[in-house]
Protein backbone atom coordinates (compact mmCIF):
# COMPACT_ATOMS: atom_id res chain seq x y z
CA UNK A 1 0.44 -20.09 -0.74
CA UNK A 2 -2.76 -18.45 -1.68
CA UNK A 3 -4.42 -19.29 -4.92
CA UNK A 4 -4.77 -16.72 -7.62
CA UNK A 5 -8.05 -14.84 -7.64
CA UNK A 6 -10.00 -16.04 -10.63
CA UNK A 7 -11.42 -13.59 -13.09
CA UNK A 8 -14.73 -14.22 -14.77
CA UNK A 9 -15.02 -13.76 -18.52
CA UNK A 10 -18.37 -12.64 -19.77
CA UNK A 11 -19.28 -14.32 -23.01
CA UNK A 12 -20.99 -12.62 -25.91
CA UNK A 13 -24.31 -14.18 -26.80
CA UNK A 14 -25.82 -14.58 -30.23
CA UNK A 15 -29.53 -14.03 -30.42
CA UNK A 16 -31.65 -14.61 -33.50
CA UNK A 17 -34.80 -12.61 -34.12
CA UNK A 18 -37.57 -13.46 -36.51
CA UNK A 19 -39.25 -10.38 -37.97
CA UNK A 20 -42.55 -10.70 -39.79
CA UNK A 21 -43.33 -8.18 -42.53
CA UNK A 22 -46.53 -7.70 -44.53
CA UNK A 23 -45.25 -9.75 -47.46
CA UNK A 24 -42.47 -12.02 -46.19
CA UNK A 25 -40.71 -13.45 -43.15
CA UNK A 26 -36.93 -13.08 -42.59
CA UNK A 27 -34.52 -13.67 -39.73
CA UNK A 28 -31.84 -11.35 -38.43
CA UNK A 29 -28.94 -12.44 -36.22
CA UNK A 30 -27.74 -9.81 -33.79
CA UNK A 31 -24.73 -9.82 -31.56
CA UNK A 32 -25.46 -8.39 -28.16
CA UNK A 33 -22.95 -8.22 -25.34
CA UNK A 34 -24.27 -9.45 -22.05
CA UNK A 35 -24.80 -6.60 -19.60
CA UNK A 36 -22.12 -6.55 -16.87
CA UNK A 37 -23.28 -7.46 -13.40
CA UNK A 38 -23.30 -4.42 -11.14
CA UNK A 39 -22.08 -4.99 -7.59
CA UNK A 40 -21.49 -2.85 -4.54
CA UNK A 41 -17.94 -1.88 -3.64
CA UNK A 42 -18.20 -4.24 -0.68
CA UNK A 43 -18.59 -7.23 -3.02
CA UNK A 44 -15.53 -9.45 -3.15
CA UNK A 45 -14.72 -12.68 -4.94
CA UNK A 46 -14.69 -15.95 -3.04
CA UNK A 47 -10.90 -15.98 -3.28
CA UNK A 48 -10.66 -12.44 -1.89
CA UNK A 49 -12.93 -13.29 1.04
CA UNK A 50 -10.86 -16.38 1.82
CA UNK A 51 -7.74 -14.26 1.56
CA UNK A 52 -9.15 -11.74 4.04
CA UNK A 53 -10.01 -14.47 6.54
CA UNK A 54 -6.55 -15.98 6.28
CA UNK A 55 -4.74 -12.64 6.72
CA UNK A 56 -6.99 -11.75 9.64
CA UNK A 57 -6.11 -15.01 11.43
CA UNK A 58 -2.42 -14.43 10.89
CA UNK A 59 -2.66 -10.81 12.09
CA UNK A 60 -4.58 -11.73 15.24
CA UNK A 61 -2.73 -14.92 16.14
CA UNK A 62 0.86 -14.15 15.12
CA UNK A 63 1.21 -10.36 14.98
CA UNK A 64 -1.18 -9.43 17.78
CA UNK A 65 0.79 -10.88 20.71
CA UNK A 66 3.96 -9.10 19.56
CA UNK A 67 2.62 -5.61 18.81
CA UNK A 68 3.40 -3.89 22.10
CA UNK A 69 6.85 -5.44 22.46
CA UNK A 70 7.81 -4.49 18.90
CA UNK A 71 6.59 -0.94 19.48
CA UNK A 72 8.51 -0.60 22.74
CA UNK A 73 11.70 -2.03 21.22
CA UNK A 74 11.18 -0.13 17.95
CA UNK A 75 12.08 -3.29 16.10
CA UNK A 76 10.30 -5.78 13.85
CA UNK A 77 10.28 -9.33 15.21
CA UNK A 78 11.99 -11.68 12.71
CA UNK A 79 9.24 -14.23 13.36
CA UNK A 80 6.68 -11.78 11.98
CA UNK A 81 8.75 -11.16 8.85
CA UNK A 82 9.21 -14.90 8.35
CA UNK A 83 5.49 -15.41 8.85
CA UNK A 84 4.64 -12.84 6.17
CA UNK A 85 6.71 -14.82 3.69
CA UNK A 86 5.36 -18.19 4.80
CA UNK A 87 1.78 -16.97 4.47
CA UNK A 88 2.36 -15.81 0.90
CA UNK A 89 1.87 -12.15 1.83
CA UNK A 90 5.10 -10.91 0.26
CA UNK A 91 4.28 -11.86 -3.31
CA UNK A 92 0.54 -11.30 -3.46
CA UNK A 93 0.29 -10.26 -7.11
CA UNK A 94 3.42 -12.09 -8.21
CA UNK A 95 2.90 -15.06 -10.51
CA UNK A 96 2.96 -18.62 -9.20
CA UNK A 97 5.84 -19.21 -11.59
CA UNK A 98 7.87 -16.78 -9.50
CA UNK A 99 6.71 -18.13 -6.15
CA UNK A 100 3.86 -15.67 -5.61
CA UNK A 101 0.18 -15.99 -4.77
CA UNK A 102 -0.90 -14.63 -8.19
CA UNK A 103 -3.80 -12.83 -6.55
CA UNK A 104 -5.55 -9.56 -7.41
CA UNK A 105 -4.45 -6.02 -6.57
CA UNK A 106 -7.52 -5.81 -4.34
CA UNK A 107 -6.19 -8.83 -2.44
CA UNK A 108 -3.04 -6.82 -1.69
CA UNK A 109 -5.19 -3.95 -0.43
CA UNK A 110 -7.18 -6.40 1.71
CA UNK A 111 -3.98 -7.74 3.26
CA UNK A 112 -2.69 -4.24 4.03
CA UNK A 113 -6.00 -3.26 5.64
CA UNK A 114 -6.29 -6.40 7.78
CA UNK A 115 -2.70 -6.17 9.02
CA UNK A 116 -3.18 -2.48 9.90
CA UNK A 117 -6.15 -3.33 12.12
CA UNK A 118 -3.63 -5.09 14.37
CA UNK A 119 -0.34 -3.28 13.67
CA UNK A 120 0.18 -0.53 11.06
CA UNK A 121 3.95 -1.12 11.27
CA UNK A 122 3.61 -4.64 9.91
CA UNK A 123 1.07 -3.37 7.40
CA UNK A 124 3.40 -0.80 5.85
CA UNK A 125 6.19 -3.38 5.60
CA UNK A 126 3.88 -5.58 3.55
CA UNK A 127 2.56 -2.59 1.60
CA UNK A 128 5.91 -1.19 0.44
CA UNK A 129 7.24 -4.65 -0.40
CA UNK A 130 4.19 -5.49 -2.54
CA UNK A 131 2.83 -2.29 -4.10
CA UNK A 132 6.20 -0.64 -4.76
CA UNK A 133 9.09 -3.12 -4.93
CA UNK A 134 7.34 -6.15 -6.41
CA UNK A 135 5.19 -4.07 -8.73
CA UNK A 136 8.18 -2.29 -10.28
CA UNK A 137 9.82 -5.60 -11.12
CA UNK A 138 6.58 -7.15 -12.39
CA UNK A 139 5.75 -4.18 -14.62
CA UNK A 140 9.14 -2.95 -15.76
CA UNK A 141 11.66 -5.72 -15.18
CA UNK A 142 13.00 -7.83 -18.02
CA UNK A 143 12.21 -11.53 -18.00
CA UNK A 144 15.71 -12.23 -16.75
CA UNK A 145 15.29 -9.72 -13.92
CA UNK A 146 11.91 -11.14 -12.98
CA UNK A 147 13.22 -14.70 -12.98
CA UNK A 148 16.12 -13.69 -10.76
CA UNK A 149 14.55 -11.31 -8.24
CA UNK A 150 10.83 -12.06 -7.90
CA UNK A 151 11.25 -15.56 -6.40
CA UNK A 152 13.58 -14.07 -3.77
CA UNK A 153 11.14 -11.28 -2.98
CA UNK A 154 8.24 -13.74 -2.77
CA UNK A 155 9.91 -16.21 -0.45
CA UNK A 156 12.71 -14.77 1.66
CA UNK A 157 14.21 -11.36 0.85
CA UNK A 158 12.62 -8.11 2.06
CA UNK A 159 12.60 -5.23 -0.43
CA UNK A 160 13.07 -1.49 0.06
CA UNK A 161 12.11 1.45 -2.20
CA UNK A 162 14.82 4.15 -2.08
CA UNK A 163 13.63 7.46 -3.52
CA UNK A 164 13.53 10.24 -0.88
CA UNK A 165 16.61 12.27 0.03
CA UNK A 166 17.46 14.99 2.57
CA UNK A 167 16.72 17.71 -0.02
CA UNK A 168 13.96 15.92 -1.94
CA UNK A 169 10.77 15.18 -0.05
CA UNK A 170 7.56 16.35 -1.70
CA UNK A 171 9.77 17.35 -4.62
CA UNK A 172 10.87 13.76 -4.87
CA UNK A 173 12.79 14.23 -8.10
CA UNK A 174 15.25 16.88 -6.96
CA UNK A 175 17.65 13.99 -6.48
CA UNK A 176 21.28 14.50 -5.59
CA UNK A 177 22.31 10.83 -5.73
CA UNK A 178 24.42 10.27 -8.84
CA UNK A 179 25.33 7.24 -10.93
CA UNK A 180 28.25 7.19 -13.36
CA UNK A 181 29.10 4.52 -15.92
CA UNK A 182 32.26 2.47 -15.37
CA UNK A 183 32.60 -0.28 -17.96
CA UNK A 184 29.82 -2.80 -17.44
CA UNK A 185 28.92 -1.32 -14.05
CA UNK A 186 27.36 1.85 -12.66
CA UNK A 187 28.89 3.52 -9.60
CA UNK A 188 26.43 5.22 -7.25
CA UNK A 189 27.31 7.95 -4.75
CA UNK A 190 24.89 9.79 -2.50
CA UNK A 191 22.40 9.15 0.27
CA UNK A 192 18.73 8.43 0.86
CA UNK A 193 16.54 9.37 3.81
CA UNK A 194 13.24 8.15 5.32
CA UNK A 195 13.58 4.75 3.65
CA UNK A 196 11.01 2.19 4.84
CA UNK A 197 12.06 -1.45 5.43
CA UNK A 198 15.70 -0.49 4.97
CA UNK A 199 17.07 -1.90 8.24
CA UNK A 200 15.87 -5.45 7.48
CA UNK A 201 15.87 -5.30 3.67
CA UNK A 202 18.25 -7.25 1.49
CA UNK A 203 17.08 -5.96 -1.88
CA UNK A 204 16.98 -2.22 -2.67
CA UNK A 205 15.51 -0.26 -5.56
CA UNK A 206 17.69 2.85 -5.76
CA UNK A 207 16.82 5.95 -7.80
CA UNK A 208 19.82 7.94 -9.01
CA UNK A 209 20.48 10.51 -11.73
CA UNK A 210 22.83 9.38 -14.51
CA UNK A 211 22.78 12.77 -16.30
CA UNK A 212 21.93 15.81 -14.14
CA UNK A 213 21.92 18.04 -17.25
CA UNK A 214 18.69 16.30 -18.28
CA UNK A 215 16.99 16.98 -14.95
CA UNK A 216 14.37 14.41 -14.03
CA UNK A 217 14.87 12.69 -17.40
CA UNK A 218 18.22 11.43 -16.14
CA UNK A 219 16.70 9.59 -13.18
CA UNK A 220 17.21 5.83 -13.39
CA UNK A 221 16.19 2.92 -11.18
CA UNK A 222 18.81 0.39 -10.10
CA UNK A 223 18.42 -2.84 -8.15
CA UNK A 224 21.06 -3.56 -5.52
CA UNK A 225 21.63 -6.01 -2.68
CA UNK A 226 22.86 -5.21 0.80
CA UNK A 227 26.09 -7.14 0.30
CA UNK A 228 27.07 -4.84 -2.59
CA UNK A 229 27.85 -2.22 0.05
CA UNK A 230 24.59 -0.46 0.95
CA UNK A 231 25.33 1.37 4.21
CA UNK A 232 22.69 1.79 6.92
CA UNK A 233 23.76 5.14 8.37
CA UNK A 234 21.00 5.92 10.85
CA UNK A 235 17.79 4.33 12.09
CA UNK A 236 15.21 6.99 12.90
CA UNK A 237 13.39 7.17 16.25
CA UNK A 238 9.82 8.02 15.37
CA UNK A 239 6.51 9.09 16.91
CA UNK A 240 4.62 6.17 15.40
CA UNK A 241 4.96 2.97 13.37
CA UNK A 242 8.06 2.41 15.49
CA UNK A 243 8.55 -1.24 14.58
CA UNK A 244 8.74 -0.28 10.91
CA UNK A 245 12.33 0.63 10.19
CA UNK A 246 13.01 4.05 8.65
CA UNK A 247 16.69 4.66 7.90
CA UNK A 248 19.20 6.90 6.20
CA UNK A 249 21.25 5.06 3.57
CA UNK A 250 24.66 6.03 2.26
CA UNK A 251 26.19 4.93 -1.04
CA UNK A 252 29.95 5.29 -1.32
CA UNK A 253 31.12 4.08 -4.73
CA UNK A 254 28.39 1.45 -4.73
CA UNK A 255 29.05 -0.68 -7.82
CA UNK A 256 25.99 -2.12 -9.55
CA UNK A 257 26.03 -4.30 -12.71
CA UNK A 258 24.60 -2.55 -15.77
CA UNK A 259 22.01 -5.31 -16.17
CA UNK A 260 20.49 -4.19 -12.86
CA UNK A 261 18.88 -1.10 -14.40
CA UNK A 262 15.11 -1.48 -14.35
CA UNK A 263 12.96 0.03 -17.08
CA UNK A 264 15.82 1.57 -19.04
CA UNK A 265 18.19 4.51 -18.62
CA UNK A 266 16.42 7.75 -17.76
CA UNK A 267 13.06 6.04 -17.20
CA UNK A 268 13.09 6.22 -13.40
CA UNK A 269 10.87 9.30 -13.23
CA UNK A 270 8.02 7.76 -15.20
CA UNK A 271 8.40 4.49 -13.36
CA UNK A 272 8.28 6.07 -9.88
CA UNK A 273 5.33 8.35 -10.67
CA UNK A 274 3.20 5.45 -11.86
CA UNK A 275 4.17 3.19 -8.97
CA UNK A 276 3.57 5.85 -6.30
CA UNK A 277 0.00 6.27 -7.57
CA UNK A 278 -0.60 2.60 -6.78
CA UNK A 279 1.26 2.93 -3.51
CA UNK A 280 -1.11 5.65 -2.37
CA UNK A 281 -3.98 3.20 -2.49
CA UNK A 282 -1.92 0.96 -0.23
CA UNK A 283 -1.39 3.78 2.28
CA UNK A 284 -5.13 4.53 2.15
CA UNK A 285 -5.77 0.88 3.02
CA UNK A 286 -3.28 1.07 5.87
CA UNK A 287 -4.98 4.17 7.30
CA UNK A 288 -8.40 2.59 6.83
CA UNK A 289 -7.34 -0.53 8.70
CA UNK A 290 -5.73 1.55 11.44
CA UNK A 291 -8.91 3.58 11.98
CA UNK A 292 -11.04 0.42 12.00
CA UNK A 293 -8.68 -1.21 14.49
CA UNK A 294 -8.97 1.72 16.89
CA UNK A 295 -12.76 1.77 16.45
CA UNK A 296 -13.03 -1.98 17.09
CA UNK A 297 -11.03 -1.69 20.31
CA UNK A 298 -12.75 1.39 21.71
CA UNK A 299 -16.44 0.95 20.93
CA UNK A 300 -16.99 -2.26 22.95
CA UNK A 301 -15.48 -0.51 25.98
CA UNK A 302 -18.12 2.23 25.77
CA UNK A 303 -20.82 -0.38 26.33
CA UNK A 304 -18.96 -1.97 29.25
CA UNK A 305 -18.01 1.19 31.14
CA UNK A 306 -20.94 2.43 33.23
CA UNK A 307 -21.39 5.99 34.54
CA UNK A 308 -24.50 7.55 36.08
CA UNK A 309 -26.23 4.19 35.96
CA UNK A 310 -25.81 3.46 32.23
CA UNK A 311 -23.13 2.49 29.71
CA UNK A 312 -21.35 5.59 28.42
CA UNK A 313 -21.93 4.43 24.86
CA UNK A 314 -25.68 4.89 25.32
CA UNK A 315 -25.45 8.61 26.05
CA UNK A 316 -26.59 10.61 23.05
CA UNK A 317 -23.39 12.64 22.87
CA UNK A 318 -21.35 9.42 22.61
CA UNK A 319 -23.80 7.80 20.22
CA UNK A 320 -23.46 10.70 17.78
CA UNK A 321 -19.65 10.62 17.92
CA UNK A 322 -19.57 6.88 17.30
CA UNK A 323 -22.08 7.16 14.45
CA UNK A 324 -20.09 9.95 12.79
CA UNK A 325 -16.90 7.89 13.07
CA UNK A 326 -18.68 4.92 11.47
CA UNK A 327 -19.78 7.12 8.55
CA UNK A 328 -16.23 8.41 8.06
CA UNK A 329 -14.89 4.86 8.10
CA UNK A 330 -17.37 3.83 5.43
CA UNK A 331 -16.49 6.77 3.19
CA UNK A 332 -12.79 5.97 3.51
CA UNK A 333 -13.50 2.33 2.69
CA UNK A 334 -15.51 3.21 -0.41
CA UNK A 335 -12.87 5.62 -1.69
CA UNK A 336 -10.08 3.10 -1.12
CA UNK A 337 -11.76 0.14 -2.79
CA UNK A 338 -13.09 2.27 -5.61
CA UNK A 339 -9.52 3.32 -6.42
CA UNK A 340 -8.36 -0.29 -6.18
CA UNK A 341 -11.06 -1.59 -8.51
CA UNK A 342 -10.43 1.20 -11.03
CA UNK A 343 -6.78 0.26 -11.07
CA UNK A 344 -7.68 -3.41 -11.66
CA UNK A 345 -10.05 -2.47 -14.47
CA UNK A 346 -7.32 -0.53 -16.28
CA UNK A 347 -9.11 2.78 -15.82
CA UNK A 348 -7.53 6.04 -14.68
CA UNK A 349 -7.16 6.11 -10.92
CA UNK A 350 -4.63 8.84 -10.05
CA UNK A 351 -7.26 11.27 -8.77
CA UNK A 352 -9.13 8.52 -6.94
CA UNK A 353 -5.93 7.27 -5.31
CA UNK A 354 -5.12 10.79 -4.11
CA UNK A 355 -8.65 11.19 -2.74
CA UNK A 356 -8.47 7.84 -0.95
CA UNK A 357 -5.11 8.54 0.66
CA UNK A 358 -6.01 12.09 1.66
CA UNK A 359 -9.33 11.16 3.20
CA UNK A 360 -8.29 7.89 4.84
CA UNK A 361 -5.33 9.59 6.55
CA UNK A 362 -7.66 12.29 7.91
CA UNK A 363 -10.16 9.71 9.10
CA UNK A 364 -7.40 7.67 10.74
CA UNK A 365 -6.29 10.64 12.82
CA UNK A 366 -9.80 11.64 13.84
CA UNK A 367 -11.14 8.18 14.65
CA UNK A 368 -8.05 7.03 16.55
CA UNK A 369 -8.01 10.30 18.50
CA UNK A 370 -11.71 9.95 19.35
CA UNK A 371 -11.14 6.33 20.38
CA UNK A 372 -8.73 7.51 23.07
CA UNK A 373 -11.28 9.99 24.39
CA UNK A 374 -14.09 7.43 24.37
CA UNK A 375 -12.01 5.22 26.65
CA UNK A 376 -10.88 8.08 28.89
CA UNK A 377 -7.89 7.37 31.10
CA UNK A 378 -7.73 3.76 29.94
CA UNK A 379 -7.38 4.90 26.35
CA UNK A 380 -4.50 7.16 27.30
CA UNK A 381 -2.45 4.29 28.70
CA UNK A 382 -0.20 2.11 26.55
CA UNK A 383 -1.74 -1.07 27.93
CA UNK A 384 -4.77 -1.03 25.63
CA UNK A 385 -2.84 -0.17 22.47
CA UNK A 386 -5.43 2.43 21.45
CA UNK A 387 -3.01 5.33 21.88
CA UNK A 388 -0.61 3.54 19.51
CA UNK A 389 -3.14 3.76 16.69
CA UNK A 390 -3.26 7.52 17.16
CA UNK A 391 0.56 7.80 17.14
CA UNK A 392 0.72 5.61 14.05
CA UNK A 393 -1.95 7.62 12.23
CA UNK A 394 0.08 10.82 11.86
CA UNK A 395 2.41 9.39 9.23
CA UNK A 396 -0.50 8.89 6.82
CA UNK A 397 -0.58 12.62 6.11
CA UNK A 398 3.15 12.65 5.35
CA UNK A 399 4.58 9.70 3.44
CA UNK A 400 3.99 8.77 -0.21
CA UNK A 401 2.89 12.35 -0.80
CA UNK A 402 1.74 14.77 1.91
CA UNK A 403 -1.91 15.72 2.25
CA UNK A 404 -1.17 19.01 0.50
CA UNK A 405 0.33 17.12 -2.44
CA UNK A 406 -2.82 14.97 -2.63
CA UNK A 407 -5.02 18.07 -2.63
CA UNK A 408 -2.86 19.59 -5.35
CA UNK A 409 -3.23 16.44 -7.46
CA UNK A 410 -7.00 16.42 -7.01
CA UNK A 411 -7.23 20.13 -7.83
CA UNK A 412 -5.30 19.64 -11.09
CA UNK A 413 -7.84 17.06 -12.25
CA UNK A 414 -10.72 19.38 -11.32
CA UNK A 415 -9.07 22.21 -13.25
CA UNK A 416 -8.66 20.02 -16.31
CA UNK A 417 -12.31 19.03 -16.14
CA UNK A 418 -13.82 22.50 -15.68
CA UNK A 419 -11.42 24.96 -17.30
């Protein structure tokens, strides 16, 4: 288990002044808050740096050797899932009391980024489990719900966030799944689509409408387990992140105890909106790590491959492309960690999260595509794994809000500021 990231508390200092006037001397005590230390966005705590090193070792040593096989089989290796739990990566922000690492939100973003440098499929599994499933229970669950579910999610049970449906994608709250009260239970009927982690998950957060006449105000979040009767109807065959399961789920008179409502009846809309804002920072981190992973694989090759008597990476045309990619990576990194720090500080971060996700997904596509071209025919083969980064990058512009939705969110904030 990882230790919790410690937070420094800046003390207020008392300073006494002695003022001398023309006729008398008197002292004045003044309270002055110590000025906060200003750091760059690349400054991390000792705990966060240790966390990064540990995740990197796990990603390289455990995930790395299995990436191609998992991609070819379109299946997540159970050893990788077990390793994520054993390394404390499935309860990063969860309290130690509930079996978690009790680390910072930035630590979760670090983990997602480092895993994505090796395999974005493993990264998104960790991302959804932490930034969506765990966070909902930590923020909105009752003490009884937290005591029951968080230890399971920290140590052994994979979680899945079930919101999207066949007719509700970008308009995520046009839900057709219904829940009706039956004594001390709710009965859910409907289906979900494009659900990440669903094939391996054992705990599901299901959004259903308990009163369609109220529109989105009837949406409620329920927690269910696979053995209650969650049906895996179809596992999608995808362009990228193939090892990450994406399934259609069916609910046929799925009975859920009334105490399994999270956040209260009709509160699912507010709950999901707030959580998805945090989740977008996670996707930005995934896309950032993906782009960095492609860059790290391709650039060394350009200095090893010789043409016309010199390494191809030393030709000016290549130098400029590599330099531009490095600049784009840095801008994506700054946007992502700025959003993460703002979230930690309790400041507004919705616009910043949208900017980070939008830009990081664009950078991921461009850098991974360029990486293939830099390596020529070798980059086009599956042997190097560079082409996989490009295939994996496309999803960044689609899930947890398309790029157009991110631009719309950003534009609304600009309109509020200037109109």
